[in-house]
Amino acid sequence: MIRVIIAEDHLMVRAGIRALIEKAGDIHVLGEASTGQEAITMTQELSPNVLIMDIMMPLMNGIQAADAIHTLKLKTNILILSMYADEGFVHQALNYGVKGYVLKSSVSDELIWAVRAVANGQRYLSHSISEIVSESAMHSHLPSQTNDPLSMLSPREKQILQLIAEEHTSGEIAKLLFISEKTVEKHRANLMEKLNVRNIAGLVRMAVRHRLVDRDA
């Protein structure tokens, strides 16, 4: 039996994913998470074979969670389930050890195939994602260029930027991350300097533009 955790912040979407994969008969859902931080905690506690995880989640997104799980050297294989066929997301995910990347637009039996493949340690990518990876490999000899200023940020800075964009106050962020408000304010000042913006609104625009948070958040 393949043991999985589903990390997705929308309850109805989680329910749909669960109903779909449990029909397979060989997949058992251990639990559900609604944030990246919950996904990390549950993965540590339950040691699933596969973590099915969305990218856009509050407090800590799926890319950041994948990075943390990779750093912690947990044995769980990660399958990203996202609506975004974004080259930046794909490469970040693969760099953090993600085994699978499936688009929500193509979810049906493909998700079950992906879970089975990832559980066996194999890579599974939706067709359009495979094309992105292949295209990048063909041009890997070209000079590397990035239009993502967020790539210069540390994981903690990205997390704080996301929380700022989600309209959390410095006090709320301090409590969530178990740090002082002074430390949060220092991070905020560093973010403004690194991203060359002058105020909170500029930080929020930067987070939305580079999809650190959902456009509708």
Protein backbone atom coordinates (compact mmCIF):
# COMPACT_ATOMS: atom_id res chain seq x y z
CA MET A 1 0.00 0.00 0.00
CA ILE A 2 1.34 3.43 -1.01
CA ARG A 3 1.05 5.89 1.88
CA VAL A 4 0.52 9.55 0.94
CA ILE A 5 -0.10 12.98 2.43
CA ILE A 6 -2.00 15.64 0.48
CA ALA A 7 -0.87 19.26 0.96
CA GLU A 8 -3.31 21.73 -0.63
CA ASP A 9 -4.90 24.80 0.92
CA HIS A 10 -8.32 24.46 -0.75
CA LEU A 11 -10.54 22.00 1.11
CA MET A 12 -12.67 21.03 -1.90
CA VAL A 13 -9.59 20.42 -4.05
CA ARG A 14 -8.07 18.23 -1.31
CA ALA A 15 -11.30 16.26 -1.09
CA GLY A 16 -11.32 15.75 -4.85
CA ILE A 17 -7.71 14.58 -4.90
CA ARG A 18 -8.35 12.21 -2.02
CA ALA A 19 -11.45 10.71 -3.63
CA LEU A 20 -9.61 10.22 -6.91
CA ILE A 21 -6.51 8.49 -5.60
CA GLU A 22 -8.26 6.34 -3.01
CA LYS A 23 -10.32 4.76 -5.80
CA ALA A 24 -7.06 3.20 -7.04
CA GLY A 25 -7.14 0.68 -4.21
CA ASP A 26 -3.38 0.64 -3.58
CA ILE A 27 -3.06 4.21 -2.23
CA HIS A 28 -3.88 5.21 1.35
CA VAL A 29 -4.10 8.86 2.47
CA LEU A 30 -2.45 9.29 5.88
CA GLY A 31 -3.49 12.90 6.31
CA GLU A 32 -4.02 16.33 4.79
CA ALA A 33 -2.13 19.62 5.20
CA SER A 34 -3.14 23.14 4.19
CA THR A 35 0.25 24.91 4.43
CA GLY A 36 3.83 24.08 3.57
CA GLN A 37 4.79 24.09 7.25
CA GLU A 38 2.05 21.57 8.06
CA ALA A 39 3.27 19.42 5.19
CA ILE A 40 6.80 19.36 6.61
CA THR A 41 5.60 18.51 10.13
CA MET A 42 3.29 15.74 8.94
CA THR A 43 5.98 14.30 6.68
CA GLN A 44 8.38 14.15 9.62
CA GLU A 45 5.80 12.51 11.86
CA LEU A 46 4.13 10.07 9.44
CA SER A 47 6.91 9.27 6.92
CA PRO A 48 4.64 8.82 3.86
CA ASN A 49 5.94 7.28 0.66
CA VAL A 50 4.69 10.28 -1.31
CA LEU A 51 3.83 13.89 -0.45
CA ILE A 52 1.39 15.32 -3.02
CA MET A 53 1.85 19.07 -2.72
CA ASP A 54 0.51 22.24 -4.32
CA ILE A 55 2.84 25.19 -4.82
CA MET A 56 0.61 28.12 -3.87
CA MET A 57 -0.16 27.70 -0.17
CA PRO A 58 -0.25 30.25 2.69
CA LEU A 59 2.48 30.80 5.30
CA MET A 60 5.00 28.63 3.41
CA ASN A 61 4.54 27.60 -0.20
CA GLY A 62 5.26 24.21 -1.75
CA ILE A 63 8.63 25.17 -3.21
CA GLN A 64 9.87 26.33 0.18
CA ALA A 65 8.51 23.19 1.82
CA ALA A 66 10.23 21.00 -0.78
CA ASP A 67 13.49 22.82 -0.07
CA ALA A 68 13.10 22.19 3.67
CA ILE A 69 12.25 18.51 3.19
CA HIS A 70 15.26 18.12 0.89
CA THR A 71 17.51 19.82 3.47
CA LEU A 72 16.15 17.56 6.24
CA LYS A 73 16.99 14.52 4.07
CA LEU A 74 13.56 12.98 4.63
CA LYS A 75 12.94 9.82 2.61
CA THR A 76 9.51 10.86 1.36
CA ASN A 77 9.30 11.47 -2.39
CA ILE A 78 7.53 14.69 -3.42
CA LEU A 79 4.97 15.03 -6.21
CA ILE A 80 4.07 18.63 -7.10
CA LEU A 81 0.49 19.13 -8.27
CA SER A 82 0.14 22.65 -9.64
CA MET A 83 -1.79 24.80 -12.06
CA TYR A 84 1.47 26.51 -13.07
CA ALA A 85 3.61 25.21 -15.94
CA ASP A 86 6.22 27.79 -15.02
CA GLU A 87 9.85 27.13 -15.99
CA GLY A 88 11.14 28.76 -12.81
CA PHE A 89 8.91 26.64 -10.59
CA VAL A 90 9.81 23.46 -12.45
CA HIS A 91 13.55 23.99 -12.13
CA GLN A 92 13.35 25.01 -8.49
CA ALA A 93 11.25 21.94 -7.72
CA LEU A 94 13.63 19.55 -9.48
CA ASN A 95 16.63 21.19 -7.82
CA TYR A 96 15.02 20.48 -4.44
CA GLY A 97 14.69 16.78 -5.21
CA VAL A 98 11.04 16.74 -6.31
CA LYS A 99 10.35 13.50 -8.20
CA GLY A 100 7.13 14.40 -9.96
CA TYR A 101 5.36 17.45 -11.38
CA VAL A 102 1.79 17.10 -12.62
CA LEU A 103 -0.54 19.85 -13.82
CA LYS A 104 -3.98 20.16 -12.25
CA SER A 105 -5.44 20.68 -15.70
CA SER A 106 -4.51 17.12 -16.66
CA VAL A 107 -5.41 15.39 -13.38
CA SER A 108 -7.33 12.14 -13.77
CA ASP A 109 -5.72 8.74 -14.06
CA GLU A 110 -2.42 10.57 -14.64
CA LEU A 111 -2.23 11.52 -10.96
CA ILE A 112 -2.52 7.86 -9.96
CA TRP A 113 0.20 6.87 -12.45
CA ALA A 114 2.38 9.69 -11.09
CA VAL A 115 1.89 8.63 -7.46
CA ARG A 116 2.85 5.04 -8.28
CA ALA A 117 5.94 6.10 -10.23
CA VAL A 118 7.11 8.58 -7.58
CA ALA A 119 6.53 6.04 -4.81
CA ASN A 120 9.00 3.77 -6.64
CA GLY A 121 11.56 6.57 -6.82
CA GLN A 122 10.95 7.23 -10.51
CA ARG A 123 10.49 10.66 -12.06
CA TYR A 124 7.09 11.55 -13.51
CA LEU A 125 6.41 14.79 -15.38
CA SER A 126 3.30 15.91 -17.23
CA HIS A 127 3.91 16.17 -20.97
CA SER A 128 4.14 19.97 -21.02
CA ILE A 129 6.51 19.88 -18.04
CA SER A 130 8.72 17.35 -19.83
CA GLU A 131 8.89 19.73 -22.79
CA ILE A 132 10.06 22.55 -20.51
CA VAL A 133 12.82 20.35 -19.06
CA SER A 134 13.88 19.09 -22.51
CA GLU A 135 13.93 22.61 -23.97
CA SER A 136 16.08 23.84 -21.08
CA ALA A 137 18.49 20.93 -21.52
CA MET A 138 18.89 21.77 -25.22
CA HIS A 139 19.90 25.31 -24.31
CA SER A 140 21.97 24.48 -21.25
CA HIS A 141 25.15 25.56 -23.07
CA LEU A 142 23.89 29.13 -23.28
CA PRO A 143 24.86 31.70 -20.62
CA SER A 144 22.55 31.45 -17.61
CA GLN A 145 20.18 34.35 -17.23
CA THR A 146 17.48 34.93 -14.67
CA ASN A 147 14.74 37.49 -14.47
CA ASP A 148 13.82 36.45 -10.96
CA PRO A 149 15.21 38.84 -8.33
CA LEU A 150 13.80 36.54 -5.65
CA SER A 151 16.56 34.06 -6.48
CA MET A 152 18.97 36.20 -4.42
CA LEU A 153 16.85 35.78 -1.28
CA SER A 154 17.43 33.22 1.43
CA PRO A 155 14.65 30.71 2.26
CA ARG A 156 13.81 32.69 5.41
CA GLU A 157 13.64 35.96 3.47
CA LYS A 158 11.29 34.38 0.92
CA GLN A 159 9.08 33.10 3.71
CA ILE A 160 8.91 36.53 5.34
CA LEU A 161 8.21 38.17 1.97
CA GLN A 162 5.34 35.74 1.43
CA LEU A 163 3.93 36.48 4.88
CA ILE A 164 4.17 40.24 4.25
CA ALA A 165 2.36 39.78 0.93
CA GLU A 166 -0.34 37.82 2.77
CA GLU A 167 -0.87 40.97 4.90
CA HIS A 168 0.51 39.62 8.18
CA THR A 169 1.81 42.27 10.58
CA SER A 170 5.34 42.20 11.97
CA GLY A 171 3.94 40.98 15.28
CA GLU A 172 2.04 38.14 13.61
CA ILE A 173 5.09 37.12 11.58
CA ALA A 174 7.24 37.15 14.71
CA LYS A 175 4.82 34.79 16.47
CA LEU A 176 4.50 32.47 13.47
CA LEU A 177 8.28 32.16 13.05
CA PHE A 178 9.22 32.35 16.75
CA ILE A 179 11.44 35.37 16.26
CA SER A 180 11.34 38.94 17.58
CA GLU A 181 9.52 41.80 15.86
CA LYS A 182 12.88 43.57 15.64
CA THR A 183 14.26 40.65 13.62
CA VAL A 184 11.21 40.75 11.32
CA GLU A 185 11.69 44.46 10.75
CA LYS A 186 15.37 43.91 9.98
CA HIS A 187 14.45 41.26 7.41
CA ARG A 188 11.87 43.62 5.92
CA ALA A 189 14.47 46.38 5.54
CA ASN A 190 16.90 43.92 3.93
CA LEU A 191 14.18 42.77 1.53
CA MET A 192 13.49 46.35 0.45
CA GLU A 193 17.18 46.92 -0.16
CA LYS A 194 17.75 43.67 -2.05
CA LEU A 195 14.63 44.06 -4.20
CA ASN A 196 15.10 47.80 -4.68
CA VAL A 197 11.65 48.81 -3.47
CA ARG A 198 10.71 51.61 -1.07
CA ASN A 199 7.69 50.34 0.84
CA ILE A 200 5.46 47.39 1.76
CA ALA A 201 3.32 47.87 -1.35
CA GLY A 202 6.45 47.41 -3.47
CA LEU A 203 7.29 44.18 -1.66
CA VAL A 204 3.75 42.88 -2.22
CA ARG A 205 3.87 43.72 -5.92
CA MET A 206 7.20 41.93 -6.22
CA ALA A 207 5.84 38.82 -4.46
CA VAL A 208 2.78 38.69 -6.72
CA ARG A 209 4.70 39.43 -9.92
CA HIS A 210 7.08 36.54 -9.27
CA ARG A 211 4.32 34.21 -8.05
CA LEU A 212 5.50 33.82 -4.50
CA VAL A 213 1.84 34.24 -3.62
CA ASP A 214 -1.33 33.66 -5.61
CA ARG A 215 -2.44 36.57 -7.78
CA ASP A 216 -5.79 36.49 -6.03
CA ALA A 217 -4.25 36.52 -2.53
